[in-house]
Amino acid sequence: MGMIVIIVAIGVGIIFGYTYKRAKGLKEQYDQKMYEREMQPITLPLSAFTNATCEIVDEKTVVVHTSQTPVDPQEGDAPLMGQAGTPGA
């Protein structure tokens, strides 16, 4: 009779140990998946936030239009000299 009790106790211990270990592993797997879901929006590539149909314009970009105003030739100016005094420019 005592031997049967010992064998049943060992069997119950093995079953409870296996169930506990399996449940712990499943919980860690679940926690890992939840962590990955939380981190997913943060690790998206930059292309996920860009729209190819929209042109991105920097608000601080300064556009300079170069339009030359006619300068009256002064005495001593060569015809190939511009305002900066560089020949050929």
N, C-alpha and C. Protein backbone atom coordinates (compact mmCIF):
# COMPACT_ATOMS: atom_id res chain seq x y z
N MET A 1 0.82 -1.19 0.00
CA MET A 1 0.00 0.00 0.00
C MET A 1 0.88 1.28 0.00
N GLY A 2 1.91 1.26 0.80
CA GLY A 2 2.81 2.41 0.87
C GLY A 2 3.52 2.65 -0.45
N MET A 3 3.86 1.56 -1.14
CA MET A 3 4.53 1.68 -2.43
C MET A 3 3.62 2.34 -3.46
N ILE A 4 2.35 2.06 -3.47
CA ILE A 4 1.39 2.65 -4.41
C ILE A 4 1.28 4.16 -4.16
N VAL A 5 1.24 4.55 -2.89
CA VAL A 5 1.15 5.97 -2.54
C VAL A 5 2.39 6.71 -3.03
N ILE A 6 3.54 6.13 -2.87
CA ILE A 6 4.78 6.77 -3.31
C ILE A 6 4.80 6.92 -4.83
N ILE A 7 4.40 5.88 -5.56
CA ILE A 7 4.38 5.93 -7.02
C ILE A 7 3.38 6.97 -7.51
N VAL A 8 2.20 7.04 -6.90
CA VAL A 8 1.19 8.05 -7.28
C VAL A 8 1.72 9.45 -6.97
N ALA A 9 2.37 9.64 -5.84
CA ALA A 9 2.90 10.95 -5.46
C ALA A 9 3.97 11.40 -6.46
N ILE A 10 4.82 10.49 -6.86
CA ILE A 10 5.86 10.82 -7.84
C ILE A 10 5.20 11.20 -9.17
N GLY A 11 4.21 10.45 -9.61
CA GLY A 11 3.50 10.74 -10.85
C GLY A 11 2.81 12.10 -10.82
N VAL A 12 2.15 12.40 -9.69
CA VAL A 12 1.48 13.70 -9.54
C VAL A 12 2.52 14.82 -9.55
N GLY A 13 3.66 14.62 -8.90
CA GLY A 13 4.73 15.63 -8.90
C GLY A 13 5.26 15.89 -10.29
N ILE A 14 5.43 14.82 -11.07
CA ILE A 14 5.91 14.98 -12.45
C ILE A 14 4.90 15.74 -13.28
N ILE A 15 3.62 15.40 -13.13
CA ILE A 15 2.57 16.08 -13.90
C ILE A 15 2.51 17.57 -13.53
N PHE A 16 2.51 17.89 -12.23
CA PHE A 16 2.46 19.29 -11.80
C PHE A 16 3.72 20.05 -12.26
N GLY A 17 4.89 19.43 -12.17
CA GLY A 17 6.13 20.07 -12.60
C GLY A 17 6.12 20.38 -14.09
N TYR A 18 5.67 19.41 -14.89
CA TYR A 18 5.61 19.61 -16.35
C TYR A 18 4.61 20.71 -16.69
N THR A 19 3.44 20.68 -16.04
CA THR A 19 2.40 21.69 -16.30
C THR A 19 2.91 23.09 -15.93
N TYR A 20 3.58 23.21 -14.78
CA TYR A 20 4.10 24.51 -14.34
C TYR A 20 5.15 25.04 -15.32
N LYS A 21 6.07 24.13 -15.74
CA LYS A 21 7.12 24.54 -16.66
C LYS A 21 6.54 24.97 -18.01
N ARG A 22 5.56 24.21 -18.49
CA ARG A 22 4.92 24.53 -19.77
C ARG A 22 4.17 25.86 -19.68
N ALA A 23 3.44 26.09 -18.62
CA ALA A 23 2.69 27.33 -18.45
C ALA A 23 3.64 28.53 -18.35
N LYS A 24 4.76 28.34 -17.66
CA LYS A 24 5.74 29.42 -17.54
C LYS A 24 6.33 29.77 -18.90
N GLY A 25 6.65 28.75 -19.71
CA GLY A 25 7.18 28.98 -21.06
C GLY A 25 6.18 29.69 -21.96
N LEU A 26 4.91 29.28 -21.87
CA LEU A 26 3.87 29.93 -22.68
C LEU A 26 3.67 31.38 -22.26
N LYS A 27 3.76 31.66 -20.96
CA LYS A 27 3.60 33.03 -20.47
C LYS A 27 4.76 33.90 -20.97
N GLU A 28 5.98 33.37 -20.96
CA GLU A 28 7.13 34.13 -21.46
C GLU A 28 6.99 34.39 -22.96
N GLN A 29 6.49 33.41 -23.70
CA GLN A 29 6.26 33.59 -25.14
C GLN A 29 5.23 34.69 -25.38
N TYR A 30 4.16 34.67 -24.60
CA TYR A 30 3.10 35.67 -24.73
C TYR A 30 3.64 37.06 -24.41
N ASP A 31 4.42 37.15 -23.32
CA ASP A 31 5.00 38.45 -22.95
C ASP A 31 5.95 38.97 -24.03
N GLN A 32 6.71 38.07 -24.65
CA GLN A 32 7.64 38.47 -25.71
C GLN A 32 6.86 39.01 -26.91
N LYS A 33 5.77 38.34 -27.28
CA LYS A 33 4.97 38.81 -28.40
C LYS A 33 4.33 40.17 -28.10
N MET A 34 3.87 40.35 -26.87
CA MET A 34 3.28 41.64 -26.50
C MET A 34 4.33 42.75 -26.54
N TYR A 35 5.54 42.45 -26.10
CA TYR A 35 6.63 43.43 -26.14
C TYR A 35 6.96 43.80 -27.59
N GLU A 36 6.99 42.79 -28.47
CA GLU A 36 7.27 43.06 -29.88
C GLU A 36 6.17 43.90 -30.50
N ARG A 37 4.93 43.68 -30.11
CA ARG A 37 3.84 44.50 -30.64
C ARG A 37 3.94 45.93 -30.17
N GLU A 38 4.38 46.11 -28.92
CA GLU A 38 4.56 47.48 -28.40
C GLU A 38 5.68 48.19 -29.15
N MET A 39 6.75 47.48 -29.45
CA MET A 39 7.91 48.08 -30.09
C MET A 39 7.74 48.23 -31.60
N GLN A 40 6.80 47.54 -32.19
CA GLN A 40 6.66 47.56 -33.64
C GLN A 40 6.45 48.95 -34.22
N PRO A 41 5.56 49.80 -33.69
CA PRO A 41 5.41 51.14 -34.28
C PRO A 41 6.68 51.97 -34.19
N ILE A 42 7.51 51.71 -33.20
CA ILE A 42 8.72 52.49 -33.02
C ILE A 42 9.77 52.09 -34.05
N THR A 43 9.81 50.83 -34.44
CA THR A 43 10.88 50.36 -35.31
C THR A 43 10.45 50.30 -36.78
N LEU A 44 9.41 50.98 -37.15
CA LEU A 44 9.00 50.99 -38.55
C LEU A 44 10.04 51.75 -39.38
N PRO A 45 10.27 51.36 -40.60
CA PRO A 45 11.22 52.10 -41.44
C PRO A 45 10.66 53.48 -41.78
N LEU A 46 11.55 54.38 -42.12
CA LEU A 46 11.15 55.76 -42.42
C LEU A 46 10.21 55.82 -43.61
N SER A 47 10.32 54.87 -44.53
CA SER A 47 9.47 54.88 -45.71
C SER A 47 8.00 54.67 -45.35
N ALA A 48 7.73 54.15 -44.15
CA ALA A 48 6.34 53.96 -43.73
C ALA A 48 5.66 55.30 -43.45
N PHE A 49 6.44 56.33 -43.18
CA PHE A 49 5.88 57.63 -42.84
C PHE A 49 5.92 58.62 -43.98
N THR A 50 6.44 58.22 -45.12
CA THR A 50 6.52 59.15 -46.25
C THR A 50 5.47 58.80 -47.28
N ASN A 51 5.01 59.81 -47.96
CA ASN A 51 4.03 59.62 -49.01
C ASN A 51 4.68 60.06 -50.32
N ALA A 52 4.76 59.16 -51.26
CA ALA A 52 5.46 59.46 -52.50
C ALA A 52 4.76 60.55 -53.31
N THR A 53 3.46 60.74 -53.11
CA THR A 53 2.74 61.75 -53.89
C THR A 53 2.90 63.14 -53.31
N CYS A 54 3.38 63.24 -52.09
CA CYS A 54 3.56 64.55 -51.46
C CYS A 54 5.03 64.94 -51.52
N GLU A 55 5.27 66.18 -51.83
CA GLU A 55 6.64 66.67 -51.86
C GLU A 55 6.93 67.34 -50.52
N ILE A 56 7.98 66.91 -49.90
CA ILE A 56 8.34 67.49 -48.61
C ILE A 56 9.10 68.78 -48.86
N VAL A 57 8.63 69.86 -48.26
CA VAL A 57 9.26 71.16 -48.43
C VAL A 57 9.71 71.64 -47.06
N ASP A 58 10.95 71.97 -46.95
CA ASP A 58 11.48 72.50 -45.70
C ASP A 58 10.99 73.93 -45.52
N GLU A 59 10.45 74.21 -44.36
CA GLU A 59 9.88 75.55 -44.14
C GLU A 59 10.96 76.62 -44.05
N LYS A 60 12.18 76.24 -43.73
CA LYS A 60 13.24 77.22 -43.56
C LYS A 60 14.10 77.36 -44.82
N THR A 61 13.68 76.78 -45.90
CA THR A 61 14.44 76.88 -47.14
C THR A 61 14.25 78.27 -47.74
N VAL A 62 15.33 78.87 -48.10
CA VAL A 62 15.29 80.20 -48.69
C VAL A 62 15.56 80.04 -50.18
N VAL A 63 14.65 80.54 -50.98
CA VAL A 63 14.81 80.47 -52.43
C VAL A 63 15.33 81.81 -52.90
N VAL A 64 16.46 81.79 -53.58
CA VAL A 64 17.09 83.01 -54.06
C VAL A 64 16.98 83.00 -55.57
N HIS A 65 16.33 84.02 -56.09
CA HIS A 65 16.21 84.17 -57.54
C HIS A 65 17.28 85.17 -57.98
N THR A 66 18.10 84.76 -58.88
CA THR A 66 19.15 85.66 -59.35
C THR A 66 18.67 86.33 -60.63
N SER A 67 18.47 87.59 -60.53
CA SER A 67 18.11 88.36 -61.72
C SER A 67 19.09 89.53 -61.78
N GLN A 68 19.75 89.63 -62.88
CA GLN A 68 20.73 90.69 -63.00
C GLN A 68 20.04 91.96 -63.49
N THR A 69 20.36 93.02 -62.82
CA THR A 69 19.84 94.33 -63.23
C THR A 69 20.88 94.98 -64.14
N PRO A 70 20.41 95.65 -65.14
CA PRO A 70 21.38 96.29 -66.04
C PRO A 70 22.15 97.39 -65.31
N VAL A 71 23.43 97.37 -65.54
CA VAL A 71 24.30 98.36 -64.90
C VAL A 71 24.81 99.29 -65.99
N ASP A 72 24.69 100.57 -65.69
CA ASP A 72 25.21 101.54 -66.65
C ASP A 72 26.73 101.44 -66.68
N PRO A 73 27.29 101.32 -67.88
CA PRO A 73 28.76 101.23 -67.95
C PRO A 73 29.37 102.53 -67.46
N GLN A 74 30.36 102.35 -66.59
CA GLN A 74 31.07 103.52 -66.09
C GLN A 74 32.38 103.65 -66.84
N GLU A 75 32.97 104.76 -66.68
CA GLU A 75 34.23 105.00 -67.38
C GLU A 75 35.30 104.07 -66.84
N GLY A 76 36.00 103.37 -67.70
CA GLY A 76 37.05 102.46 -67.28
C GLY A 76 36.60 101.01 -67.19
N ASP A 77 35.28 100.73 -67.28
CA ASP A 77 34.80 99.34 -67.23
C ASP A 77 35.06 98.68 -68.57
N ALA A 78 35.59 97.50 -68.51
CA ALA A 78 35.76 96.72 -69.73
C ALA A 78 34.44 96.02 -70.01
N PRO A 79 34.13 95.70 -71.27
CA PRO A 79 32.84 95.08 -71.57
C PRO A 79 32.67 93.69 -70.96
N LEU A 80 33.76 92.96 -70.65
CA LEU A 80 33.64 91.63 -70.07
C LEU A 80 33.71 91.64 -68.55
N MET A 81 33.76 92.81 -67.95
CA MET A 81 33.83 92.90 -66.51
C MET A 81 32.43 93.07 -65.95
N GLY A 82 32.07 92.24 -64.94
CA GLY A 82 30.78 92.36 -64.30
C GLY A 82 30.87 93.21 -63.05
N GLN A 83 29.86 93.14 -62.22
CA GLN A 83 29.83 93.95 -60.99
C GLN A 83 30.94 93.55 -60.03
N ALA A 84 31.30 92.26 -59.99
CA ALA A 84 32.31 91.82 -59.04
C ALA A 84 33.71 92.10 -59.54
N GLY A 85 33.85 92.48 -60.78
CA GLY A 85 35.18 92.80 -61.30
C GLY A 85 35.92 91.59 -61.83
N THR A 86 35.21 90.50 -62.01
CA THR A 86 35.86 89.29 -62.52
C THR A 86 35.74 89.25 -64.03
N PRO A 87 36.84 89.15 -64.73
CA PRO A 87 36.73 89.14 -66.20
C PRO A 87 36.08 87.86 -66.69
N GLY A 88 35.22 88.00 -67.65
CA GLY A 88 34.57 86.87 -68.28
C GLY A 88 33.38 86.33 -67.53
N ALA A 89 33.04 86.89 -66.43
CA ALA A 89 31.92 86.34 -65.65
C ALA A 89 30.62 87.00 -66.03
